[in-house]
Amino acid sequence: MFKIIMFVRKKQHLSTEEFIKLWEAHSQKVINYKEALLIKDYAKTFPFQPTDEKSSTQRETLPFTFDAMGGCGMKVKTIFSEPATLLRDKKP
């Protein structure tokens, strides 16, 4: 598997909430095209921002110098064996 890791910073004029909404929308597009893009795994991470005392679905992280992190695992054998036809022949 080939892994791509992205470190993302938001534009200064965006609030954290606006940025998260945009990143979520982008993530949904990636997920919708997952098969066509030969993505096996996809994940994203935001810095921990507790909303209340019961925020138990996230764990604390070291301080980020970026606003989000994303990663996707690609199906390597297919990417390198048919690169010219990769996106032309595969549709979501």
PDB file of N, CA and C in Angstrom:
ATOM      1  N   MET A   1       0.835  -1.169   0.000  1.00  0.00           N
ATOM      2  CA  MET A   1       0.000   0.000   0.000  1.00  0.00           C
ATOM      3  C   MET A   1       0.888   1.242   0.000  1.00  0.00           C
ATOM      4  N   PHE A   2       0.448   2.270  -0.699  1.00  0.00           N
ATOM      5  CA  PHE A   2       1.116   3.557  -0.786  1.00  0.00           C
ATOM      6  C   PHE A   2       0.315   4.528   0.074  1.00  0.00           C
ATOM      7  N   LYS A   3       0.948   5.236   0.997  1.00  0.00           N
ATOM      8  CA  LYS A   3       0.237   6.111   1.925  1.00  0.00           C
ATOM      9  C   LYS A   3       0.558   7.567   1.633  1.00  0.00           C
ATOM     10  N   ILE A   4      -0.488   8.390   1.541  1.00  0.00           N
ATOM     11  CA  ILE A   4      -0.338   9.833   1.369  1.00  0.00           C
ATOM     12  C   ILE A   4      -0.817  10.485   2.663  1.00  0.00           C
ATOM     13  N   ILE A   5       0.009  11.358   3.220  1.00  0.00           N
ATOM     14  CA  ILE A   5      -0.363  12.070   4.446  1.00  0.00           C
ATOM     15  C   ILE A   5      -0.357  13.556   4.144  1.00  0.00           C
ATOM     16  N   MET A   6      -1.430  14.240   4.551  1.00  0.00           N
ATOM     17  CA  MET A   6      -1.582  15.665   4.285  1.00  0.00           C
ATOM     18  C   MET A   6      -1.649  16.427   5.597  1.00  0.00           C
ATOM     19  N   PHE A   7      -0.900  17.505   5.698  1.00  0.00           N
ATOM     20  CA  PHE A   7      -0.985  18.415   6.833  1.00  0.00           C
ATOM     21  C   PHE A   7      -1.606  19.697   6.291  1.00  0.00           C
ATOM     22  N   VAL A   8      -2.718  20.114   6.869  1.00  0.00           N
ATOM     23  CA  VAL A   8      -3.523  21.185   6.295  1.00  0.00           C
ATOM     24  C   VAL A   8      -3.625  22.363   7.257  1.00  0.00           C
ATOM     25  N   ARG A   9      -3.502  23.561   6.693  1.00  0.00           N
ATOM     26  CA  ARG A   9      -3.738  24.785   7.459  1.00  0.00           C
ATOM     27  C   ARG A   9      -4.920  25.506   6.834  1.00  0.00           C
ATOM     28  N   LYS A  10      -5.765  26.048   7.684  1.00  0.00           N
ATOM     29  CA  LYS A  10      -6.938  26.769   7.191  1.00  0.00           C
ATOM     30  C   LYS A  10      -6.540  28.182   6.776  1.00  0.00           C
ATOM     31  N   LYS A  11      -7.339  28.762   5.886  1.00  0.00           N
ATOM     32  CA  LYS A  11      -7.124  30.162   5.527  1.00  0.00           C
ATOM     33  C   LYS A  11      -7.448  31.011   6.746  1.00  0.00           C
ATOM     34  N   GLN A  12      -6.706  32.080   6.925  1.00  0.00           N
ATOM     35  CA  GLN A  12      -6.831  32.894   8.134  1.00  0.00           C
ATOM     36  C   GLN A  12      -8.232  33.450   8.350  1.00  0.00           C
ATOM     37  N   HIS A  13      -8.956  33.722   7.279  1.00  0.00           N
ATOM     38  CA  HIS A  13     -10.281  34.333   7.436  1.00  0.00           C
ATOM     39  C   HIS A  13     -11.356  33.326   7.873  1.00  0.00           C
ATOM     40  N   LEU A  14     -11.049  32.031   7.857  1.00  0.00           N
ATOM     41  CA  LEU A  14     -12.016  31.016   8.263  1.00  0.00           C
ATOM     42  C   LEU A  14     -11.971  30.769   9.766  1.00  0.00           C
ATOM     43  N   SER A  15     -13.139  30.607  10.355  1.00  0.00           N
ATOM     44  CA  SER A  15     -13.184  30.180  11.753  1.00  0.00           C
ATOM     45  C   SER A  15     -12.900  28.679  11.782  1.00  0.00           C
ATOM     46  N   THR A  16     -12.611  28.160  12.957  1.00  0.00           N
ATOM     47  CA  THR A  16     -12.376  26.716  13.078  1.00  0.00           C
ATOM     48  C   THR A  16     -13.611  25.939  12.648  1.00  0.00           C
ATOM     49  N   GLU A  17     -14.790  26.401  13.027  1.00  0.00           N
ATOM     50  CA  GLU A  17     -16.037  25.717  12.657  1.00  0.00           C
ATOM     51  C   GLU A  17     -16.239  25.703  11.146  1.00  0.00           C
ATOM     52  N   GLU A  18     -15.968  26.846  10.478  1.00  0.00           N
ATOM     53  CA  GLU A  18     -16.096  26.910   9.019  1.00  0.00           C
ATOM     54  C   GLU A  18     -15.106  25.961   8.354  1.00  0.00           C
ATOM     55  N   PHE A  19     -13.879  25.956   8.863  1.00  0.00           N
ATOM     56  CA  PHE A  19     -12.856  25.076   8.308  1.00  0.00           C
ATOM     57  C   PHE A  19     -13.262  23.607   8.434  1.00  0.00           C
ATOM     58  N   ILE A  20     -13.757  23.219   9.607  1.00  0.00           N
ATOM     59  CA  ILE A  20     -14.158  21.826   9.816  1.00  0.00           C
ATOM     60  C   ILE A  20     -15.294  21.450   8.868  1.00  0.00           C
ATOM     61  N   LYS A  21     -16.248  22.338   8.650  1.00  0.00           N
ATOM     62  CA  LYS A  21     -17.346  22.064   7.710  1.00  0.00           C
ATOM     63  C   LYS A  21     -16.805  21.849   6.299  1.00  0.00           C
ATOM     64  N   LEU A  22     -15.864  22.704   5.877  1.00  0.00           N
ATOM     65  CA  LEU A  22     -15.268  22.553   4.542  1.00  0.00           C
ATOM     66  C   LEU A  22     -14.478  21.252   4.425  1.00  0.00           C
ATOM     67  N   TRP A  23     -13.719  20.917   5.454  1.00  0.00           N
ATOM     68  CA  TRP A  23     -12.910  19.686   5.448  1.00  0.00           C
ATOM     69  C   TRP A  23     -13.822  18.460   5.422  1.00  0.00           C
ATOM     70  N   GLU A  24     -14.938  18.519   6.163  1.00  0.00           N
ATOM     71  CA  GLU A  24     -15.903  17.416   6.151  1.00  0.00           C
ATOM     72  C   GLU A  24     -16.507  17.254   4.758  1.00  0.00           C
ATOM     73  N   ALA A  25     -16.852  18.367   4.100  1.00  0.00           N
ATOM     74  CA  ALA A  25     -17.412  18.303   2.743  1.00  0.00           C
ATOM     75  C   ALA A  25     -16.392  17.716   1.771  1.00  0.00           C
ATOM     76  N   HIS A  26     -15.141  18.144   1.899  1.00  0.00           N
ATOM     77  CA  HIS A  26     -14.073  17.597   1.048  1.00  0.00           C
ATOM     78  C   HIS A  26     -13.917  16.096   1.301  1.00  0.00           C
ATOM     79  N   SER A  27     -13.941  15.710   2.553  1.00  0.00           N
ATOM     80  CA  SER A  27     -13.795  14.298   2.908  1.00  0.00           C
ATOM     81  C   SER A  27     -14.892  13.453   2.276  1.00  0.00           C
ATOM     82  N   GLN A  28     -16.105  13.972   2.270  1.00  0.00           N
ATOM     83  CA  GLN A  28     -17.212  13.224   1.670  1.00  0.00           C
ATOM     84  C   GLN A  28     -16.991  13.033   0.173  1.00  0.00           C
ATOM     85  N   LYS A  29     -16.438  14.046  -0.494  1.00  0.00           N
ATOM     86  CA  LYS A  29     -16.127  13.911  -1.928  1.00  0.00           C
ATOM     87  C   LYS A  29     -15.095  12.808  -2.140  1.00  0.00           C
ATOM     88  N   VAL A  30     -14.058  12.793  -1.307  1.00  0.00           N
ATOM     89  CA  VAL A  30     -13.028  11.753  -1.418  1.00  0.00           C
ATOM     90  C   VAL A  30     -13.660  10.378  -1.221  1.00  0.00           C
ATOM     91  N   ILE A  31     -14.494  10.249  -0.204  1.00  0.00           N
ATOM     92  CA  ILE A  31     -15.151   8.964   0.070  1.00  0.00           C
ATOM     93  C   ILE A  31     -16.039   8.550  -1.097  1.00  0.00           C
ATOM     94  N   ASN A  32     -16.740   9.507  -1.710  1.00  0.00           N
ATOM     95  CA  ASN A  32     -17.603   9.190  -2.855  1.00  0.00           C
ATOM     96  C   ASN A  32     -16.816   8.664  -4.055  1.00  0.00           C
ATOM     97  N   TYR A  33     -15.567   9.103  -4.205  1.00  0.00           N
ATOM     98  CA  TYR A  33     -14.725   8.680  -5.331  1.00  0.00           C
ATOM     99  C   TYR A  33     -13.664   7.658  -4.909  1.00  0.00           C
ATOM    100  N   LYS A  34     -13.834   7.085  -3.746  1.00  0.00           N
ATOM    101  CA  LYS A  34     -12.845   6.176  -3.165  1.00  0.00           C
ATOM    102  C   LYS A  34     -12.466   5.043  -4.125  1.00  0.00           C
ATOM    103  N   GLU A  35     -13.442   4.409  -4.725  1.00  0.00           N
ATOM    104  CA  GLU A  35     -13.152   3.293  -5.627  1.00  0.00           C
ATOM    105  C   GLU A  35     -12.436   3.762  -6.892  1.00  0.00           C
ATOM    106  N   ALA A  36     -12.914   4.850  -7.483  1.00  0.00           N
ATOM    107  CA  ALA A  36     -12.289   5.360  -8.708  1.00  0.00           C
ATOM    108  C   ALA A  36     -10.860   5.820  -8.472  1.00  0.00           C
ATOM    109  N   LEU A  37     -10.592   6.358  -7.274  1.00  0.00           N
ATOM    110  CA  LEU A  37      -9.248   6.831  -6.939  1.00  0.00           C
ATOM    111  C   LEU A  37      -8.365   5.739  -6.347  1.00  0.00           C
ATOM    112  N   LEU A  38      -8.913   4.521  -6.244  1.00  0.00           N
ATOM    113  CA  LEU A  38      -8.198   3.363  -5.703  1.00  0.00           C
ATOM    114  C   LEU A  38      -7.733   3.587  -4.269  1.00  0.00           C
ATOM    115  N   ILE A  39      -8.558   4.267  -3.489  1.00  0.00           N
ATOM    116  CA  ILE A  39      -8.239   4.517  -2.091  1.00  0.00           C
ATOM    117  C   ILE A  39      -8.766   3.366  -1.252  1.00  0.00           C
ATOM    118  N   LYS A  40      -7.871   2.774  -0.497  1.00  0.00           N
ATOM    119  CA  LYS A  40      -8.256   1.660   0.369  1.00  0.00           C
ATOM    120  C   LYS A  40      -8.701   2.163   1.735  1.00  0.00           C
ATOM    121  N   ASP A  41      -7.929   3.079   2.328  1.00  0.00           N
ATOM    122  CA  ASP A  41      -8.226   3.629   3.648  1.00  0.00           C
ATOM    123  C   ASP A  41      -8.178   5.141   3.587  1.00  0.00           C
ATOM    124  N   TYR A  42      -9.047   5.790   4.359  1.00  0.00           N
ATOM    125  CA  TYR A  42      -9.052   7.255   4.413  1.00  0.00           C
ATOM    126  C   TYR A  42      -9.339   7.682   5.851  1.00  0.00           C
ATOM    127  N   ALA A  43      -8.567   8.626   6.360  1.00  0.00           N
ATOM    128  CA  ALA A  43      -8.769   9.097   7.736  1.00  0.00           C
ATOM    129  C   ALA A  43      -8.410  10.572   7.819  1.00  0.00           C
ATOM    130  N   LYS A  44      -9.023  11.245   8.791  1.00  0.00           N
ATOM    131  CA  LYS A  44      -8.685  12.641   9.040  1.00  0.00           C
ATOM    132  C   LYS A  44      -8.647  12.879  10.544  1.00  0.00           C
ATOM    133  N   THR A  45      -7.850  13.850  10.951  1.00  0.00           N
ATOM    134  CA  THR A  45      -7.666  14.150  12.370  1.00  0.00           C
ATOM    135  C   THR A  45      -7.714  15.653  12.564  1.00  0.00           C
ATOM    136  N   PHE A  46      -8.423  16.072  13.601  1.00  0.00           N
ATOM    137  CA  PHE A  46      -8.453  17.471  14.008  1.00  0.00           C
ATOM    138  C   PHE A  46      -7.845  17.556  15.400  1.00  0.00           C
ATOM    139  N   PRO A  47      -7.268  18.712  15.756  1.00  0.00           N
ATOM    140  CA  PRO A  47      -6.791  18.861  17.130  1.00  0.00           C
ATOM    141  C   PRO A  47      -7.954  18.690  18.109  1.00  0.00           C
ATOM    142  N   PHE A  48      -7.669  18.143  19.259  1.00  0.00           N
ATOM    143  CA  PHE A  48      -8.691  17.902  20.276  1.00  0.00           C
ATOM    144  C   PHE A  48      -9.224  19.225  20.815  1.00  0.00           C
ATOM    145  N   GLN A  49     -10.544  19.386  20.743  1.00  0.00           N
ATOM    146  CA  GLN A  49     -11.191  20.563  21.291  1.00  0.00           C
ATOM    147  C   GLN A  49     -12.380  20.083  22.114  1.00  0.00           C
ATOM    148  N   PRO A  50     -12.203  19.893  23.416  1.00  0.00           N
ATOM    149  CA  PRO A  50     -13.308  19.373  24.220  1.00  0.00           C
ATOM    150  C   PRO A  50     -14.508  20.303  24.197  1.00  0.00           C
ATOM    151  N   THR A  51     -15.688  19.717  24.023  1.00  0.00           N
ATOM    152  CA  THR A  51     -16.916  20.507  24.022  1.00  0.00           C
ATOM    153  C   THR A  51     -17.585  20.456  25.383  1.00  0.00           C
ATOM    154  N   ASP A  52     -17.302  19.423  26.149  1.00  0.00           N
ATOM    155  CA  ASP A  52     -17.838  19.308  27.496  1.00  0.00           C
ATOM    156  C   ASP A  52     -17.035  18.236  28.235  1.00  0.00           C
ATOM    157  N   GLU A  53     -17.416  17.935  29.442  1.00  0.00           N
ATOM    158  CA  GLU A  53     -16.677  16.948  30.232  1.00  0.00           C
ATOM    159  C   GLU A  53     -16.839  15.528  29.693  1.00  0.00           C
ATOM    160  N   LYS A  54     -17.820  15.303  28.827  1.00  0.00           N
ATOM    161  CA  LYS A  54     -18.086  13.959  28.327  1.00  0.00           C
ATOM    162  C   LYS A  54     -17.518  13.723  26.929  1.00  0.00           C
ATOM    163  N   SER A  55     -16.576  14.541  26.490  1.00  0.00           N
ATOM    164  CA  SER A  55     -15.964  14.363  25.175  1.00  0.00           C
ATOM    165  C   SER A  55     -15.027  13.169  25.202  1.00  0.00           C
ATOM    166  N   SER A  56     -15.579  12.001  25.119  1.00  0.00           N
ATOM    167  CA  SER A  56     -14.769  10.793  25.284  1.00  0.00           C
ATOM    168  C   SER A  56     -14.437  10.116  23.954  1.00  0.00           C
ATOM    169  N   THR A  57     -14.936  10.645  22.834  1.00  0.00           N
ATOM    170  CA  THR A  57     -14.658   9.989  21.556  1.00  0.00           C
ATOM    171  C   THR A  57     -13.339  10.452  20.956  1.00  0.00           C
ATOM    172  N   GLN A  58     -12.725  11.468  21.538  1.00  0.00           N
ATOM    173  CA  GLN A  58     -11.430  11.938  21.072  1.00  0.00           C
ATOM    174  C   GLN A  58     -10.437  11.844  22.213  1.00  0.00           C
ATOM    175  N   ARG A  59      -9.185  11.719  21.858  1.00  0.00           N
ATOM    176  CA  ARG A  59      -8.151  11.724  22.878  1.00  0.00           C
ATOM    177  C   ARG A  59      -7.304  12.968  22.702  1.00  0.00           C
ATOM    178  N   GLU A  60      -6.669  13.401  23.756  1.00  0.00           N
ATOM    179  CA  GLU A  60      -5.821  14.582  23.662  1.00  0.00           C
ATOM    180  C   GLU A  60      -4.601  14.262  22.806  1.00  0.00           C
ATOM    181  N   THR A  61      -4.156  15.251  22.061  1.00  0.00           N
ATOM    182  CA  THR A  61      -2.991  15.087  21.195  1.00  0.00           C
ATOM    183  C   THR A  61      -1.938  16.120  21.581  1.00  0.00           C
ATOM    184  N   LEU A  62      -0.756  15.938  21.077  1.00  0.00           N
ATOM    185  CA  LEU A  62       0.262  16.965  21.231  1.00  0.00           C
ATOM    186  C   LEU A  62      -0.180  18.181  20.423  1.00  0.00           C
ATOM    187  N   PRO A  63       0.305  19.362  20.751  1.00  0.00           N
ATOM    188  CA  PRO A  63      -0.117  20.548  19.999  1.00  0.00           C
ATOM    189  C   PRO A  63       0.197  20.408  18.503  1.00  0.00           C
ATOM    190  N   PHE A  64      -0.777  20.761  17.675  1.00  0.00           N
ATOM    191  CA  PHE A  64      -0.602  20.734  16.222  1.00  0.00           C
ATOM    192  C   PHE A  64      -0.051  22.079  15.765  1.00  0.00           C
ATOM    193  N   THR A  65       0.785  22.087  14.749  1.00  0.00           N
ATOM    194  CA  THR A  65       1.198  23.337  14.114  1.00  0.00           C
ATOM    195  C   THR A  65       0.427  23.499  12.813  1.00  0.00           C
ATOM    196  N   PHE A  66      -0.606  22.704  12.634  1.00  0.00           N
ATOM    197  CA  PHE A  66      -1.477  22.750  11.474  1.00  0.00           C
ATOM    198  C   PHE A  66      -2.896  22.553  11.978  1.00  0.00           C
ATOM    199  N   ASP A  67      -3.880  22.725  11.118  1.00  0.00           N
ATOM    200  CA  ASP A  67      -5.276  22.679  11.551  1.00  0.00           C
ATOM    201  C   ASP A  67      -5.937  21.321  11.380  1.00  0.00           C
ATOM    202  N   ALA A  68      -5.380  20.477  10.565  1.00  0.00           N
ATOM    203  CA  ALA A  68      -5.933  19.130  10.381  1.00  0.00           C
ATOM    204  C   ALA A  68      -4.883  18.252   9.710  1.00  0.00           C
ATOM    205  N   MET A  69      -5.123  16.968   9.782  1.00  0.00           N
ATOM    206  CA  MET A  69      -4.249  16.005   9.129  1.00  0.00           C
ATOM    207  C   MET A  69      -5.140  14.971   8.447  1.00  0.00           C
ATOM    208  N   GLY A  70      -4.777  14.590   7.245  1.00  0.00           N
ATOM    209  CA  GLY A  70      -5.526  13.565   6.538  1.00  0.00           C
ATOM    210  C   GLY A  70      -4.570  12.541   5.978  1.00  0.00           C
ATOM    211  N   GLY A  71      -5.080  11.371   5.743  1.00  0.00           N
ATOM    212  CA  GLY A  71      -4.252  10.328   5.162  1.00  0.00           C
ATOM    213  C   GLY A  71      -5.096   9.353   4.376  1.00  0.00           C
ATOM    214  N   CYS A  72      -4.518   8.845   3.303  1.00  0.00           N
ATOM    215  CA  CYS A  72      -5.219   7.802   2.559  1.00  0.00           C
ATOM    216  C   CYS A  72      -4.215   6.760   2.085  1.00  0.00           C
ATOM    217  N   GLY A  73      -4.658   5.533   2.131  1.00  0.00           N
ATOM    218  CA  GLY A  73      -3.857   4.418   1.653  1.00  0.00           C
ATOM    219  C   GLY A  73      -4.335   4.038   0.267  1.00  0.00           C
ATOM    220  N   MET A  74      -3.412   3.937  -0.655  1.00  0.00           N
ATOM    221  CA  MET A  74      -3.744   3.634  -2.047  1.00  0.00           C
ATOM    222  C   MET A  74      -3.362   2.191  -2.373  1.00  0.00           C
ATOM    223  N   LYS A  75      -4.110   1.608  -3.288  1.00  0.00           N
ATOM    224  CA  LYS A  75      -3.827   0.247  -3.742  1.00  0.00           C
ATOM    225  C   LYS A  75      -2.663   0.316  -4.732  1.00  0.00           C
ATOM    226  N   VAL A  76      -1.464   0.104  -4.254  1.00  0.00           N
ATOM    227  CA  VAL A  76      -0.236   0.343  -5.018  1.00  0.00           C
ATOM    228  C   VAL A  76      -0.134  -0.482  -6.292  1.00  0.00           C
ATOM    229  N   LYS A  77      -0.389  -1.755  -6.222  1.00  0.00           N
ATOM    230  CA  LYS A  77      -0.189  -2.612  -7.390  1.00  0.00           C
ATOM    231  C   LYS A  77      -0.979  -2.091  -8.582  1.00  0.00           C
ATOM    232  N   THR A  78      -2.216  -1.699  -8.352  1.00  0.00           N
ATOM    233  CA  THR A  78      -3.042  -1.203  -9.442  1.00  0.00           C
ATOM    234  C   THR A  78      -2.553   0.145  -9.942  1.00  0.00           C
ATOM    235  N   ILE A  79      -2.141   1.029  -9.048  1.00  0.00           N
ATOM    236  CA  ILE A  79      -1.665   2.358  -9.444  1.00  0.00           C
ATOM    237  C   ILE A  79      -0.475   2.246 -10.391  1.00  0.00           C
ATOM    238  N   PHE A  80       0.471   1.368 -10.087  1.00  0.00           N
ATOM    239  CA  PHE A  80       1.677   1.272 -10.892  1.00  0.00           C
ATOM    240  C   PHE A  80       1.531   0.336 -12.090  1.00  0.00           C
ATOM    241  N   SER A  81       0.530  -0.517 -12.103  1.00  0.00           N
ATOM    242  CA  SER A  81       0.393  -1.431 -13.229  1.00  0.00           C
ATOM    243  C   SER A  81      -0.466  -0.857 -14.347  1.00  0.00           C
ATOM    244  N   GLU A  82      -1.334   0.118 -14.037  1.00  0.00           N
ATOM    245  CA  GLU A  82      -2.168   0.689 -15.082  1.00  0.00           C
ATOM    246  C   GLU A  82      -2.336   2.206 -14.906  1.00  0.00           C
ATOM    247  N   PRO A  83      -1.234   2.968 -14.813  1.00  0.00           N
ATOM    248  CA  PRO A  83      -1.350   4.395 -14.524  1.00  0.00           C
ATOM    249  C   PRO A  83      -2.039   5.206 -15.616  1.00  0.00           C
ATOM    250  N   ALA A  84      -1.864   4.856 -16.877  1.00  0.00           N
ATOM    251  CA  ALA A  84      -2.448   5.651 -17.965  1.00  0.00           C
ATOM    252  C   ALA A  84      -3.963   5.545 -18.014  1.00  0.00           C
ATOM    253  N   THR A  85      -4.506   4.440 -17.564  1.00  0.00           N
ATOM    254  CA  THR A  85      -5.947   4.247 -17.637  1.00  0.00           C
ATOM    255  C   THR A  85      -6.618   4.360 -16.287  1.00  0.00           C
ATOM    256  N   LEU A  86      -5.866   4.730 -15.282  1.00  0.00           N
ATOM    257  CA  LEU A  86      -6.359   4.720 -13.902  1.00  0.00           C
ATOM    258  C   LEU A  86      -7.689   5.441 -13.743  1.00  0.00           C
ATOM    259  N   LEU A  87      -7.761   6.698 -14.074  1.00  0.00           N
ATOM    260  CA  LEU A  87      -8.995   7.463 -13.867  1.00  0.00           C
ATOM    261  C   LEU A  87      -9.900   7.468 -15.095  1.00  0.00           C
ATOM    262  N   ARG A  88      -9.356   7.254 -16.269  1.00  0.00           N
ATOM    263  CA  ARG A  88     -10.169   7.274 -17.498  1.00  0.00           C
ATOM    264  C   ARG A  88     -11.202   6.161 -17.487  1.00  0.00           C
ATOM    265  N   ASP A  89     -10.828   4.972 -17.047  1.00  0.00           N
ATOM    266  CA  ASP A  89     -11.723   3.821 -17.127  1.00  0.00           C
ATOM    267  C   ASP A  89     -12.525   3.565 -15.860  1.00  0.00           C
ATOM    268  N   LYS A  90     -12.207   4.229 -14.767  1.00  0.00           N
ATOM    269  CA  LYS A  90     -12.896   3.968 -13.509  1.00  0.00           C
ATOM    270  C   LYS A  90     -13.750   5.160 -13.130  1.00  0.00           C
ATOM    271  N   LYS A  91     -15.025   4.916 -12.942  1.00  0.00           N
ATOM    272  CA  LYS A  91     -15.948   5.982 -12.554  1.00  0.00           C
ATOM    273  C   LYS A  91     -16.608   5.603 -11.251  1.00  0.00           C
ATOM    274  N   PRO A  92     -16.970   6.631 -10.435  1.00  0.00           N
ATOM    275  CA  PRO A  92     -17.616   6.338  -9.143  1.00  0.00           C
ATOM    276  C   PRO A  92     -19.000   5.723  -9.319  1.00  0.00           C
TER     277      PRO A  92
END
